[in-house]
Amino acid sequence: MEPTFSYNDIVFVNRAKTDLNRGGIFTVCTEAGLFIKRIQKE
């Protein structure tokens, strides 16, 4: 997610925000690991 986030940045996650329809930056947990992704509706 560079340049928004860089390696070793500290990220605080608001777990109450779960509405993907509004878009934004979300954490996604998969079998491959934890990812930070920007999601926007087209």
N, C-alpha and C. Protein backbone atom coordinates (compact mmCIF):
# COMPACT_ATOMS: atom_id res chain seq x y z
N MET A 1 0.82 -1.20 0.00
CA MET A 1 0.00 0.00 0.00
C MET A 1 0.86 1.26 0.00
N GLU A 2 2.11 1.15 -0.40
CA GLU A 2 2.91 2.37 -0.48
C GLU A 2 2.35 3.25 -1.58
N PRO A 3 2.30 4.53 -1.49
CA PRO A 3 2.91 5.37 -0.46
C PRO A 3 2.02 5.64 0.75
N THR A 4 0.78 5.10 0.78
CA THR A 4 -0.09 5.34 1.94
C THR A 4 0.51 4.76 3.21
N PHE A 5 0.94 3.51 3.15
CA PHE A 5 1.59 2.84 4.28
C PHE A 5 2.93 2.30 3.81
N SER A 6 3.90 2.32 4.69
CA SER A 6 5.21 1.77 4.38
C SER A 6 5.50 0.61 5.32
N TYR A 7 6.48 -0.20 4.95
CA TYR A 7 6.89 -1.32 5.78
C TYR A 7 7.27 -0.81 7.17
N ASN A 8 6.86 -1.51 8.21
CA ASN A 8 7.10 -1.18 9.63
C ASN A 8 6.23 -0.06 10.16
N ASP A 9 5.26 0.44 9.39
CA ASP A 9 4.31 1.41 9.93
C ASP A 9 3.42 0.73 10.95
N ILE A 10 2.98 1.48 11.93
CA ILE A 10 2.01 0.98 12.90
C ILE A 10 0.62 1.37 12.42
N VAL A 11 -0.29 0.40 12.40
CA VAL A 11 -1.63 0.63 11.89
C VAL A 11 -2.63 0.29 12.98
N PHE A 12 -3.55 1.22 13.24
CA PHE A 12 -4.64 0.97 14.18
C PHE A 12 -5.87 0.61 13.37
N VAL A 13 -6.58 -0.43 13.80
CA VAL A 13 -7.73 -0.93 13.05
C VAL A 13 -8.99 -0.73 13.87
N ASN A 14 -9.98 -0.07 13.26
CA ASN A 14 -11.29 0.10 13.88
C ASN A 14 -12.16 -1.05 13.41
N ARG A 15 -12.33 -2.06 14.25
CA ARG A 15 -13.07 -3.26 13.86
C ARG A 15 -14.58 -3.03 13.79
N ALA A 16 -15.07 -1.87 14.22
CA ALA A 16 -16.49 -1.56 14.14
C ALA A 16 -16.89 -1.13 12.73
N LYS A 17 -15.95 -0.68 11.93
CA LYS A 17 -16.24 -0.24 10.56
C LYS A 17 -16.17 -1.44 9.63
N THR A 18 -17.33 -1.93 9.20
CA THR A 18 -17.37 -3.14 8.37
C THR A 18 -18.14 -2.95 7.07
N ASP A 19 -18.61 -1.74 6.79
CA ASP A 19 -19.41 -1.50 5.59
C ASP A 19 -18.50 -1.29 4.38
N LEU A 20 -18.36 -2.31 3.55
CA LEU A 20 -17.49 -2.23 2.38
C LEU A 20 -18.08 -1.35 1.28
N ASN A 21 -19.39 -1.11 1.30
CA ASN A 21 -20.03 -0.31 0.25
C ASN A 21 -19.54 1.12 0.22
N ARG A 22 -19.11 1.64 1.36
CA ARG A 22 -18.64 3.03 1.41
C ARG A 22 -17.20 3.15 0.95
N GLY A 23 -16.50 2.03 0.84
CA GLY A 23 -15.11 2.05 0.42
C GLY A 23 -14.19 2.48 1.56
N GLY A 24 -12.89 2.42 1.32
CA GLY A 24 -11.92 2.81 2.32
C GLY A 24 -10.78 1.81 2.37
N ILE A 25 -10.03 1.85 3.45
CA ILE A 25 -8.90 0.94 3.64
C ILE A 25 -9.31 -0.08 4.69
N PHE A 26 -9.18 -1.37 4.35
CA PHE A 26 -9.62 -2.44 5.22
C PHE A 26 -8.52 -3.46 5.42
N THR A 27 -8.58 -4.18 6.52
CA THR A 27 -7.71 -5.33 6.72
C THR A 27 -8.48 -6.57 6.28
N VAL A 28 -7.77 -7.46 5.61
CA VAL A 28 -8.37 -8.68 5.10
C VAL A 28 -7.53 -9.85 5.60
N CYS A 29 -8.15 -10.79 6.31
CA CYS A 29 -7.45 -11.95 6.83
C CYS A 29 -7.77 -13.16 5.96
N THR A 30 -6.73 -13.78 5.39
CA THR A 30 -6.89 -14.97 4.56
C THR A 30 -5.95 -16.05 5.06
N GLU A 31 -5.99 -17.21 4.42
CA GLU A 31 -5.07 -18.28 4.78
C GLU A 31 -3.62 -17.88 4.50
N ALA A 32 -3.42 -16.97 3.56
CA ALA A 32 -2.06 -16.52 3.20
C ALA A 32 -1.53 -15.46 4.15
N GLY A 33 -2.38 -14.89 5.00
CA GLY A 33 -1.93 -13.88 5.95
C GLY A 33 -2.90 -12.73 6.06
N LEU A 34 -2.45 -11.68 6.72
CA LEU A 34 -3.25 -10.48 6.94
C LEU A 34 -2.80 -9.41 5.95
N PHE A 35 -3.75 -8.81 5.26
CA PHE A 35 -3.44 -7.83 4.23
C PHE A 35 -4.18 -6.53 4.50
N ILE A 36 -3.62 -5.42 4.06
CA ILE A 36 -4.29 -4.12 4.10
C ILE A 36 -4.61 -3.77 2.66
N LYS A 37 -5.88 -3.54 2.38
CA LYS A 37 -6.31 -3.27 1.01
C LYS A 37 -7.22 -2.05 0.96
N ARG A 38 -7.05 -1.25 -0.09
CA ARG A 38 -7.97 -0.15 -0.35
C ARG A 38 -9.09 -0.69 -1.21
N ILE A 39 -10.34 -0.50 -0.77
CA ILE A 39 -11.50 -1.01 -1.49
C ILE A 39 -12.36 0.18 -1.88
N GLN A 40 -12.71 0.26 -3.17
CA GLN A 40 -13.62 1.31 -3.61
C GLN A 40 -14.59 0.74 -4.62
N LYS A 41 -15.81 1.16 -4.48
CA LYS A 41 -16.88 0.66 -5.34
C LYS A 41 -16.84 1.42 -6.66
N GLU A 42 -16.97 0.68 -7.76
CA GLU A 42 -16.97 1.32 -9.08
C GLU A 42 -18.37 1.38 -9.66
